[in-house]
């Protein structure tokens, strides 16, 4: 959504991510996202099937929005 960074998935080389990028990460695969830009990264993350995203709710600044509501 905003910012720039690198997405690491398993043992593959990092992939540059910018607004509009889409990354598929299979279940149970090690991964990480690193902000390489000057502004905060804003990400939209979708878990399917749901469940493992519960750990993200503890990250400072995490917002959980009801269905249909857009971030402000």
C-alpha atoms as a PDB file:
ATOM      1  CA  UNK A   1       0.000   0.000   0.000  1.00  0.00           C
ATOM      2  CA  UNK A   2       2.936   2.318   0.737  1.00  0.00           C
ATOM      3  CA  UNK A   3       6.665   2.201   1.341  1.00  0.00           C
ATOM      4  CA  UNK A   4       9.380   0.006  -0.133  1.00  0.00           C
ATOM      5  CA  UNK A   5      11.045  -3.109   1.125  1.00  0.00           C
ATOM      6  CA  UNK A   6      12.310  -6.596   0.504  1.00  0.00           C
ATOM      7  CA  UNK A   7      10.391  -9.826   0.926  1.00  0.00           C
ATOM      8  CA  UNK A   8      12.324 -12.950   1.761  1.00  0.00           C
ATOM      9  CA  UNK A   9      10.634 -16.312   1.188  1.00  0.00           C
ATOM     10  CA  UNK A  10      12.414 -19.461   2.369  1.00  0.00           C
ATOM     11  CA  UNK A  11      15.971 -19.623   0.958  1.00  0.00           C
ATOM     12  CA  UNK A  12      15.208 -17.604  -2.197  1.00  0.00           C
ATOM     13  CA  UNK A  13      16.880 -14.243  -2.972  1.00  0.00           C
ATOM     14  CA  UNK A  14      14.966 -11.208  -1.643  1.00  0.00           C
ATOM     15  CA  UNK A  15      12.255  -9.703  -3.857  1.00  0.00           C
ATOM     16  CA  UNK A  16      11.778  -5.936  -3.979  1.00  0.00           C
ATOM     17  CA  UNK A  17       8.274  -4.855  -2.958  1.00  0.00           C
ATOM     18  CA  UNK A  18       6.572  -1.522  -3.599  1.00  0.00           C
ATOM     19  CA  UNK A  19       2.972  -0.296  -3.613  1.00  0.00           C
ATOM     20  CA  UNK A  20       0.903  -2.577  -5.834  1.00  0.00           C
ATOM     21  CA  UNK A  21       3.135  -5.625  -5.371  1.00  0.00           C
ATOM     22  CA  UNK A  22       1.593  -8.982  -4.593  1.00  0.00           C
ATOM     23  CA  UNK A  23       3.512 -11.860  -2.976  1.00  0.00           C
ATOM     24  CA  UNK A  24       2.245 -15.412  -2.401  1.00  0.00           C
ATOM     25  CA  UNK A  25       3.777 -17.185   0.593  1.00  0.00           C
ATOM     26  CA  UNK A  26       2.845 -20.852   0.988  1.00  0.00           C
ATOM     27  CA  UNK A  27       1.777 -22.113   4.409  1.00  0.00           C
ATOM     28  CA  UNK A  28       4.536 -23.122   6.830  1.00  0.00           C
ATOM     29  CA  UNK A  29       7.317 -21.400   4.839  1.00  0.00           C
ATOM     30  CA  UNK A  30       9.836 -19.140   6.596  1.00  0.00           C
ATOM     31  CA  UNK A  31       9.549 -15.552   5.411  1.00  0.00           C
ATOM     32  CA  UNK A  32      10.209 -11.969   6.472  1.00  0.00           C
ATOM     33  CA  UNK A  33       9.592  -8.459   5.229  1.00  0.00           C
ATOM     34  CA  UNK A  34      12.162  -5.681   5.687  1.00  0.00           C
ATOM     35  CA  UNK A  35      11.429  -1.984   5.220  1.00  0.00           C
ATOM     36  CA  UNK A  36      14.227  -0.538   3.061  1.00  0.00           C
ATOM     37  CA  UNK A  37      12.628   2.853   2.438  1.00  0.00           C
ATOM     38  CA  UNK A  38      12.406   6.117   4.326  1.00  0.00           C
ATOM     39  CA  UNK A  39       8.692   5.864   5.214  1.00  0.00           C
ATOM     40  CA  UNK A  40       6.682   3.257   7.124  1.00  0.00           C
ATOM     41  CA  UNK A  41       5.476   0.311   5.048  1.00  0.00           C
ATOM     42  CA  UNK A  42       1.736  -0.282   4.960  1.00  0.00           C
ATOM     43  CA  UNK A  43       0.840  -3.820   3.983  1.00  0.00           C
ATOM     44  CA  UNK A  44      -2.399  -5.591   3.284  1.00  0.00           C
ATOM     45  CA  UNK A  45      -2.009  -9.203   4.390  1.00  0.00           C
ATOM     46  CA  UNK A  46      -4.577 -11.904   3.599  1.00  0.00           C
ATOM     47  CA  UNK A  47      -4.471 -15.304   5.302  1.00  0.00           C
ATOM     48  CA  UNK A  48      -6.311 -18.145   3.650  1.00  0.00           C
ATOM     49  CA  UNK A  49      -7.339 -20.227   5.434  1.00  0.00           C
ATOM     50  CA  UNK A  50      -7.532 -17.828   8.390  1.00  0.00           C
ATOM     51  CA  UNK A  51      -6.072 -18.454  11.814  1.00  0.00           C
ATOM     52  CA  UNK A  52      -2.319 -17.923  11.838  1.00  0.00           C
ATOM     53  CA  UNK A  53      -2.697 -14.134  11.558  1.00  0.00           C
ATOM     54  CA  UNK A  54      -3.588 -13.926  15.258  1.00  0.00           C
ATOM     55  CA  UNK A  55       0.073 -13.323  16.142  1.00  0.00           C
ATOM     56  CA  UNK A  56       0.128 -10.133  14.045  1.00  0.00           C
ATOM     57  CA  UNK A  57      -2.410  -8.432  16.299  1.00  0.00           C
ATOM     58  CA  UNK A  58       0.309  -7.868  18.922  1.00  0.00           C
ATOM     59  CA  UNK A  59       2.478  -5.813  16.551  1.00  0.00           C
ATOM     60  CA  UNK A  60       2.387  -2.074  17.410  1.00  0.00           C
ATOM     61  CA  UNK A  61       0.254  -0.190  14.887  1.00  0.00           C
ATOM     62  CA  UNK A  62      -1.668  -3.258  13.698  1.00  0.00           C
ATOM     63  CA  UNK A  63      -5.250  -2.395  12.756  1.00  0.00           C
ATOM     64  CA  UNK A  64      -8.014  -4.955  12.466  1.00  0.00           C
ATOM     65  CA  UNK A  65     -10.917  -3.589  10.445  1.00  0.00           C
ATOM     66  CA  UNK A  66     -14.439  -4.968  10.134  1.00  0.00           C
ATOM     67  CA  UNK A  67     -15.390  -6.304   6.683  1.00  0.00           C
ATOM     68  CA  UNK A  68     -16.041  -3.465   4.253  1.00  0.00           C
ATOM     69  CA  UNK A  69     -14.316  -0.763   6.308  1.00  0.00           C
ATOM     70  CA  UNK A  70     -11.348   1.020   4.725  1.00  0.00           C
ATOM     71  CA  UNK A  71      -8.284   2.281   6.649  1.00  0.00           C
ATOM     72  CA  UNK A  72      -8.271   5.999   7.433  1.00  0.00           C
END
